[in-house]
Amino acid sequence: MIKPSGLWALLHLARSRYRGHSILSQLLSIPRTRLLLGLTLVLVLLHSIDDFMWTTLPVRLLAVAMLVLPRGIRSRWAWLGLAILLGGHTIWAWSALVNHDYVIAYWVGVCAISVWSKAPKHVFAWNARLLIGLCFLFATVWKFISGEYLDGSFLHLTFLLDARLEMGAALLGGVSLDALAANRALFDGLQTTATPAALETTTLLSIISVVLSYWTIFIEGLVAIAFLA
């Protein structure tokens, strides 16, 4: 018997301590390759469901069929069709997609290759390692090339304008929530007028932005090294 390692070992440990948890036990009883394929189909089905694009309807319908039909999840031709449909949609709507849309398309391609392979676990492991490592490597390189990240201005502006980070700007940088709301309104107005304007900020937030920028570069660089070494 092969001794489990890493995350899989932690899951087995959790199962041994919480045997009454039937859902976890059922998940761990599924062969790892089948579990990866099933979770990928769920991801394809639910991804960006709140921002639905009609061009993804064939992709989602095929994903549902593969989840429902008895042998759909391991069907070679179904995975090949899903990879072609999703790849075609990615090429067609490339300008409207964000980074993780491309990553999902790549991963579906990996799944398609794995079901045709005699060593699917090796295909999954090798490609997942490269996918994570290269994503973080390119992210780290981009941050060094683009000057607005090294001087903290990218993260500083994001703190001031992104509503998802307003609590961080308020708690770490000392910028009031009212000032942040005013910044967003002012920035929206700049799209219709060329009048120069200055956003309200603090010196503390400027310093925090630089520190967090270099911390992000450091962490992402470590992840790239860990997966590519």
Protein backbone atom coordinates (compact mmCIF):
# COMPACT_ATOMS: atom_id res chain seq x y z
CA MET A 1 0.00 0.00 0.00
CA ILE A 2 1.34 3.42 -0.95
CA LYS A 3 1.56 5.76 2.00
CA PRO A 4 -0.39 8.99 1.34
CA SER A 5 1.52 12.26 1.52
CA GLY A 6 0.86 15.99 1.63
CA LEU A 7 -2.71 17.16 1.47
CA TRP A 8 -3.98 13.63 0.83
CA ALA A 9 -2.37 12.49 4.08
CA LEU A 10 -4.10 15.29 5.96
CA LEU A 11 -7.44 14.25 4.49
CA HIS A 12 -6.87 10.66 5.54
CA LEU A 13 -5.95 11.83 9.02
CA ALA A 14 -9.13 13.90 9.18
CA ARG A 15 -11.14 10.87 8.12
CA SER A 16 -9.54 8.72 10.80
CA ARG A 17 -10.48 11.26 13.46
CA TYR A 18 -13.93 12.09 12.15
CA ARG A 19 -15.22 8.79 10.80
CA GLY A 20 -18.77 9.94 11.38
CA HIS A 21 -18.37 12.55 8.66
CA SER A 22 -19.93 10.59 5.80
CA ILE A 23 -19.33 13.23 3.12
CA LEU A 24 -15.58 13.29 3.74
CA SER A 25 -15.45 9.50 3.83
CA GLN A 26 -17.30 9.26 0.53
CA LEU A 27 -14.96 11.79 -1.08
CA LEU A 28 -11.87 9.90 0.08
CA SER A 29 -13.29 6.63 -1.18
CA ILE A 30 -13.39 8.00 -4.74
CA PRO A 31 -10.28 7.24 -6.82
CA ARG A 32 -8.13 10.35 -6.99
CA THR A 33 -8.23 10.66 -10.78
CA ARG A 34 -12.02 10.38 -10.85
CA LEU A 35 -12.28 12.95 -8.05
CA LEU A 36 -10.12 15.44 -9.97
CA LEU A 37 -12.18 14.96 -13.12
CA GLY A 38 -15.44 15.40 -11.22
CA LEU A 39 -14.30 18.53 -9.40
CA THR A 40 -13.10 19.99 -12.69
CA LEU A 41 -16.55 19.46 -14.22
CA VAL A 42 -18.17 21.16 -11.22
CA LEU A 43 -15.76 24.08 -11.65
CA VAL A 44 -16.58 24.39 -15.35
CA LEU A 45 -20.31 24.25 -14.59
CA LEU A 46 -20.34 26.83 -11.78
CA HIS A 47 -17.54 29.18 -12.86
CA SER A 48 -18.81 32.73 -13.52
CA ILE A 49 -22.41 31.55 -13.23
CA ASP A 50 -23.33 35.02 -11.95
CA ASP A 51 -21.90 36.56 -15.13
CA PHE A 52 -23.36 34.07 -17.58
CA MET A 53 -22.29 34.20 -21.22
CA TRP A 54 -24.54 32.39 -23.70
CA THR A 55 -21.52 31.21 -25.63
CA THR A 56 -20.64 28.99 -22.65
CA LEU A 57 -24.01 27.21 -22.74
CA PRO A 58 -22.75 24.22 -24.82
CA VAL A 59 -19.80 23.87 -22.43
CA ARG A 60 -22.04 23.86 -19.36
CA LEU A 61 -24.58 21.46 -20.89
CA LEU A 62 -21.83 19.00 -21.77
CA ALA A 63 -20.39 19.29 -18.26
CA VAL A 64 -23.82 18.50 -16.78
CA ALA A 65 -24.21 15.49 -19.07
CA MET A 66 -20.77 14.18 -18.09
CA LEU A 67 -21.64 14.50 -14.40
CA VAL A 68 -25.04 12.84 -14.75
CA LEU A 69 -24.33 10.00 -17.17
CA PRO A 70 -22.77 6.88 -15.58
CA ARG A 71 -19.63 6.79 -17.74
CA GLY A 72 -19.61 10.45 -18.72
CA ILE A 73 -16.94 11.50 -16.25
CA ARG A 74 -14.39 9.09 -17.79
CA SER A 75 -15.46 9.41 -21.41
CA ARG A 76 -12.47 10.21 -23.60
CA TRP A 77 -14.54 11.69 -26.40
CA ALA A 78 -16.60 13.79 -23.99
CA TRP A 79 -13.46 15.33 -22.48
CA LEU A 80 -12.03 15.94 -25.93
CA GLY A 81 -15.26 17.66 -26.93
CA LEU A 82 -15.28 19.73 -23.73
CA ALA A 83 -11.69 20.84 -24.29
CA ILE A 84 -12.47 21.83 -27.89
CA LEU A 85 -15.64 23.73 -26.93
CA LEU A 86 -14.00 25.56 -24.03
CA GLY A 87 -10.87 26.26 -26.04
CA GLY A 88 -12.95 27.64 -28.90
CA HIS A 89 -14.89 29.87 -26.52
CA THR A 90 -11.64 31.10 -24.96
CA ILE A 91 -10.25 32.05 -28.38
CA TRP A 92 -13.51 33.67 -29.49
CA ALA A 93 -14.09 35.73 -26.32
CA TRP A 94 -10.43 36.26 -25.37
CA SER A 95 -10.79 40.02 -24.88
CA ALA A 96 -13.62 39.62 -22.34
CA LEU A 97 -11.96 36.93 -20.23
CA VAL A 98 -9.79 37.24 -17.13
CA ASN A 99 -6.67 35.28 -16.22
CA HIS A 100 -8.30 32.34 -14.46
CA ASP A 101 -10.58 31.71 -17.46
CA TYR A 102 -7.48 30.80 -19.46
CA VAL A 103 -6.13 28.66 -16.62
CA ILE A 104 -9.40 26.70 -16.46
CA ALA A 105 -9.27 26.13 -20.22
CA TYR A 106 -5.71 24.83 -19.90
CA TRP A 107 -6.71 22.51 -17.05
CA VAL A 108 -9.64 21.07 -18.99
CA GLY A 109 -7.13 20.31 -21.74
CA VAL A 110 -4.99 18.52 -19.15
CA CYS A 111 -8.01 16.45 -18.12
CA ALA A 112 -8.63 15.54 -21.75
CA ILE A 113 -5.03 14.40 -22.12
CA SER A 114 -5.14 12.43 -18.86
CA VAL A 115 -8.14 10.29 -19.82
CA TRP A 116 -6.36 9.31 -23.04
CA SER A 117 -3.13 8.57 -21.18
CA LYS A 118 -2.00 5.28 -19.66
CA ALA A 119 -0.61 7.21 -16.67
CA PRO A 120 -3.28 9.81 -15.80
CA LYS A 121 -1.88 10.54 -12.32
CA HIS A 122 1.48 11.44 -13.84
CA VAL A 123 -0.22 13.72 -16.38
CA PHE A 124 -2.15 15.49 -13.62
CA ALA A 125 0.85 15.87 -11.32
CA TRP A 126 3.29 17.08 -13.99
CA ASN A 127 0.89 19.59 -15.56
CA ALA A 128 -0.50 20.89 -12.26
CA ARG A 129 3.01 21.52 -11.03
CA LEU A 130 3.97 23.39 -14.19
CA LEU A 131 0.69 25.31 -14.32
CA ILE A 132 1.04 26.64 -10.78
CA GLY A 133 4.78 27.23 -11.03
CA LEU A 134 4.65 29.08 -14.36
CA CYS A 135 1.65 31.20 -13.34
CA PHE A 136 3.49 32.46 -10.27
CA LEU A 137 6.78 32.79 -12.16
CA PHE A 138 5.20 34.99 -14.83
CA ALA A 139 3.35 36.97 -12.15
CA THR A 140 6.63 37.62 -10.34
CA VAL A 141 8.47 38.59 -13.53
CA TRP A 142 5.65 40.95 -14.53
CA LYS A 143 5.87 42.71 -11.17
CA PHE A 144 9.57 43.35 -11.70
CA ILE A 145 9.08 44.58 -15.27
CA SER A 146 6.18 46.93 -14.50
CA GLY A 147 7.36 49.96 -12.59
CA GLU A 148 4.00 50.63 -10.96
CA TYR A 149 4.38 47.55 -8.76
CA LEU A 150 7.92 48.17 -7.54
CA ASP A 151 7.04 51.68 -6.35
CA GLY A 152 3.78 50.49 -4.76
CA SER A 153 1.56 52.67 -6.94
CA PHE A 154 -0.44 49.76 -8.40
CA LEU A 155 -1.48 48.41 -5.02
CA HIS A 156 -1.93 51.93 -3.66
CA LEU A 157 -4.41 52.79 -6.39
CA THR A 158 -6.15 49.45 -5.92
CA PHE A 159 -6.60 50.17 -2.22
CA LEU A 160 -8.14 53.54 -3.02
CA LEU A 161 -10.55 52.38 -5.74
CA ASP A 162 -11.40 48.71 -5.22
CA ALA A 163 -14.39 48.29 -2.90
CA ARG A 164 -13.21 44.78 -2.02
CA LEU A 165 -10.11 46.26 -0.33
CA GLU A 166 -11.76 49.22 1.38
CA MET A 167 -11.56 47.62 4.84
CA GLY A 168 -7.83 47.10 4.36
CA ALA A 169 -7.39 50.71 3.28
CA ALA A 170 -9.39 51.89 6.29
CA LEU A 171 -7.81 49.62 8.93
CA LEU A 172 -4.23 49.56 7.65
CA GLY A 173 -3.95 52.90 5.89
CA GLY A 174 -6.23 55.07 7.99
CA VAL A 175 -8.36 56.25 5.05
CA SER A 176 -12.00 56.80 6.00
CA LEU A 177 -14.74 54.85 4.25
CA ASP A 178 -16.34 58.11 3.16
CA ALA A 179 -13.09 59.21 1.52
CA LEU A 180 -12.81 55.88 -0.29
CA ALA A 181 -16.38 56.20 -1.59
CA ALA A 182 -15.58 59.73 -2.76
CA ASN A 183 -12.45 58.45 -4.52
CA ARG A 184 -14.45 55.88 -6.46
CA ALA A 185 -17.04 58.45 -7.46
CA LEU A 186 -14.30 60.87 -8.54
CA PHE A 187 -12.54 58.18 -10.56
CA ASP A 188 -15.79 57.20 -12.30
CA GLY A 189 -16.23 60.84 -13.27
CA LEU A 190 -12.78 60.91 -14.84
CA GLN A 191 -14.03 58.55 -17.53
CA THR A 192 -16.27 61.30 -18.91
CA THR A 193 -14.10 64.34 -18.23
CA ALA A 194 -10.42 65.14 -18.60
CA THR A 195 -10.34 67.43 -15.55
CA PRO A 196 -7.29 66.66 -13.35
CA ALA A 197 -8.16 65.39 -9.88
CA ALA A 198 -6.35 63.99 -6.85
CA LEU A 199 -7.57 61.03 -4.82
CA GLU A 200 -7.65 61.29 -1.04
CA THR A 201 -5.08 59.09 0.68
CA THR A 202 -2.65 58.98 3.59
CA THR A 203 1.12 58.65 3.96
CA LEU A 204 0.58 55.48 5.98
CA LEU A 205 -1.34 53.84 3.13
CA SER A 206 1.48 54.74 0.72
CA ILE A 207 4.00 53.00 2.97
CA ILE A 208 1.73 49.99 3.50
CA SER A 209 1.26 49.67 -0.27
CA VAL A 210 5.03 49.50 -0.87
CA VAL A 211 5.55 46.96 1.92
CA LEU A 212 2.71 44.72 0.72
CA SER A 213 3.89 45.00 -2.88
CA TYR A 214 7.32 43.61 -2.04
CA TRP A 215 5.78 41.00 0.27
CA THR A 216 3.60 39.83 -2.63
CA ILE A 217 6.64 39.59 -4.92
CA PHE A 218 8.49 37.59 -2.26
CA ILE A 219 5.62 35.14 -1.64
CA GLU A 220 4.81 34.60 -5.31
CA GLY A 221 8.49 34.08 -6.09
CA LEU A 222 8.72 31.42 -3.36
CA VAL A 223 5.68 29.61 -4.75
CA ALA A 224 7.24 29.63 -8.24
CA ILE A 225 10.50 28.21 -6.91
CA ALA A 226 8.72 25.59 -4.81
CA PHE A 227 6.81 24.18 -7.78
CA LEU A 228 9.49 24.54 -10.44
CA ALA A 229 12.59 23.53 -8.48
